[in-house]
Amino acid sequence: MITIKGKYDGIAVTLERSPVIDECDVIVTFLETPVLNDPSDDGSLAYLFKNYSDDGIRETIVDFGKAVGNEQW
C-alpha cells in the first residue's frame, strides 16, 4: 500500500508522482469532509419530515394488555 497526497474537486488529483507504472486498484480516503450546511435545517424533527407525503394507510393500535413477565411495551 502506498500513500500519495492529493486534492479532490469532483475527481481525485494526485499532488505527487506515483511510483506505480501500470494501472491498479486504488482506495480514496477523505481525510476531511466539509459539512454541507442546509439553511432549512433548524435541528428540529420537522426537518426530517419536510418531504414526507402521507400514504393514507392507517394501522390500528393493538393493546396487548398488562405485561406478565419481562415484556416491555
C-alpha atoms as a PDB file:
ATOM      1  CA  MET A   1       0.000   0.000   0.000  1.00  0.00           C
ATOM      2  CA  ILE A   2       1.335   3.422  -0.956  1.00  0.00           C
ATOM      3  CA  THR A   3       0.077   6.808   0.274  1.00  0.00           C
ATOM      4  CA  ILE A   4       0.064   9.750  -2.128  1.00  0.00           C
ATOM      5  CA  LYS A   5      -1.257  13.216  -1.259  1.00  0.00           C
ATOM      6  CA  GLY A   6      -3.849  14.773  -3.499  1.00  0.00           C
ATOM      7  CA  LYS A   7      -6.851  17.047  -3.782  1.00  0.00           C
ATOM      8  CA  TYR A   8     -10.454  16.339  -4.683  1.00  0.00           C
ATOM      9  CA  ASP A   9     -12.588  18.661  -6.789  1.00  0.00           C
ATOM     10  CA  GLY A  10     -15.059  16.286  -8.382  1.00  0.00           C
ATOM     11  CA  ILE A  11     -12.159  13.994  -9.324  1.00  0.00           C
ATOM     12  CA  ALA A  12      -9.135  12.879  -7.339  1.00  0.00           C
ATOM     13  CA  VAL A  13      -5.928  14.645  -8.396  1.00  0.00           C
ATOM     14  CA  THR A  14      -2.575  13.477  -7.042  1.00  0.00           C
ATOM     15  CA  LEU A  15      -0.060  16.108  -5.970  1.00  0.00           C
ATOM     16  CA  GLU A  16       2.856  13.684  -6.135  1.00  0.00           C
ATOM     17  CA  ARG A  17       4.094  11.414  -8.888  1.00  0.00           C
ATOM     18  CA  SER A  18       3.082   7.815  -8.340  1.00  0.00           C
ATOM     19  CA  PRO A  19       5.776   5.129  -8.295  1.00  0.00           C
ATOM     20  CA  VAL A  20       3.207   2.728  -9.816  1.00  0.00           C
ATOM     21  CA  ILE A  21       3.650   2.389 -13.585  1.00  0.00           C
ATOM     22  CA  ASP A  22       0.685   0.235 -14.648  1.00  0.00           C
ATOM     23  CA  GLU A  23      -2.990   0.646 -13.899  1.00  0.00           C
ATOM     24  CA  CYS A  24      -4.001  -0.635 -10.484  1.00  0.00           C
ATOM     25  CA  ASP A  25      -6.872  -0.525  -7.998  1.00  0.00           C
ATOM     26  CA  VAL A  26      -6.892   2.353  -5.552  1.00  0.00           C
ATOM     27  CA  ILE A  27      -8.734   3.316  -2.376  1.00  0.00           C
ATOM     28  CA  VAL A  28      -9.523   7.003  -1.846  1.00  0.00           C
ATOM     29  CA  THR A  29      -9.835   8.069   1.803  1.00  0.00           C
ATOM     30  CA  PHE A  30     -11.212  11.532   2.532  1.00  0.00           C
ATOM     31  CA  LEU A  31      -9.220  12.986   5.420  1.00  0.00           C
ATOM     32  CA  GLU A  32     -11.509  15.989   5.743  1.00  0.00           C
ATOM     33  CA  THR A  33     -15.211  16.024   4.990  1.00  0.00           C
ATOM     34  CA  PRO A  34     -16.702  19.501   4.899  1.00  0.00           C
ATOM     35  CA  VAL A  35     -20.216  19.695   6.278  1.00  0.00           C
ATOM     36  CA  LEU A  36     -22.755  20.912   3.779  1.00  0.00           C
ATOM     37  CA  ASN A  37     -24.963  23.291   5.721  1.00  0.00           C
ATOM     38  CA  ASP A  38     -28.596  23.257   4.701  1.00  0.00           C
ATOM     39  CA  PRO A  39     -30.154  26.598   5.646  1.00  0.00           C
ATOM     40  CA  SER A  40     -33.552  24.935   6.123  1.00  0.00           C
ATOM     41  CA  ASP A  41     -32.136  22.576   8.789  1.00  0.00           C
ATOM     42  CA  ASP A  42     -33.068  24.102  12.119  1.00  0.00           C
ATOM     43  CA  GLY A  43     -32.345  20.911  14.083  1.00  0.00           C
ATOM     44  CA  SER A  44     -35.999  20.108  14.668  1.00  0.00           C
ATOM     45  CA  LEU A  45     -37.854  16.923  13.805  1.00  0.00           C
ATOM     46  CA  ALA A  46     -39.876  18.923  11.286  1.00  0.00           C
ATOM     47  CA  TYR A  47     -36.772  18.985   9.067  1.00  0.00           C
ATOM     48  CA  LEU A  48     -36.750  15.166   8.974  1.00  0.00           C
ATOM     49  CA  PHE A  49     -40.268  15.117   7.588  1.00  0.00           C
ATOM     50  CA  LYS A  50     -40.083  18.080   5.214  1.00  0.00           C
ATOM     51  CA  ASN A  51     -40.554  15.864   2.109  1.00  0.00           C
ATOM     52  CA  TYR A  52     -42.951  13.415   3.760  1.00  0.00           C
ATOM     53  CA  SER A  53     -46.101  12.564   1.865  1.00  0.00           C
ATOM     54  CA  ASP A  54     -48.857  10.742   3.721  1.00  0.00           C
ATOM     55  CA  ASP A  55     -49.867   7.461   2.029  1.00  0.00           C
ATOM     56  CA  GLY A  56     -53.238   7.463   3.786  1.00  0.00           C
ATOM     57  CA  ILE A  57     -52.747   3.970   5.260  1.00  0.00           C
ATOM     58  CA  ARG A  58     -53.579   3.756   8.947  1.00  0.00           C
ATOM     59  CA  GLU A  59     -52.861   0.875  11.301  1.00  0.00           C
ATOM     60  CA  THR A  60     -54.879   0.392  14.448  1.00  0.00           C
ATOM     61  CA  ILE A  61     -53.041   0.276  17.753  1.00  0.00           C
ATOM     62  CA  VAL A  62     -53.215  -3.131  19.428  1.00  0.00           C
ATOM     63  CA  ASP A  63     -53.471  -3.253  23.235  1.00  0.00           C
ATOM     64  CA  PHE A  64     -51.573  -6.320  24.435  1.00  0.00           C
ATOM     65  CA  GLY A  65     -52.698  -5.792  27.998  1.00  0.00           C
ATOM     66  CA  LYS A  66     -50.559  -5.760  31.096  1.00  0.00           C
ATOM     67  CA  ALA A  67     -47.065  -7.284  30.930  1.00  0.00           C
ATOM     68  CA  VAL A  68     -46.832 -10.591  32.804  1.00  0.00           C
ATOM     69  CA  GLY A  69     -43.098 -11.246  32.601  1.00  0.00           C
ATOM     70  CA  ASN A  70     -40.140  -9.372  31.162  1.00  0.00           C
ATOM     71  CA  GLU A  71     -42.096  -7.939  28.236  1.00  0.00           C
ATOM     72  CA  GLN A  72     -41.831  -4.234  27.678  1.00  0.00           C
ATOM     73  CA  TRP A  73     -44.381  -2.373  25.635  1.00  0.00           C
END
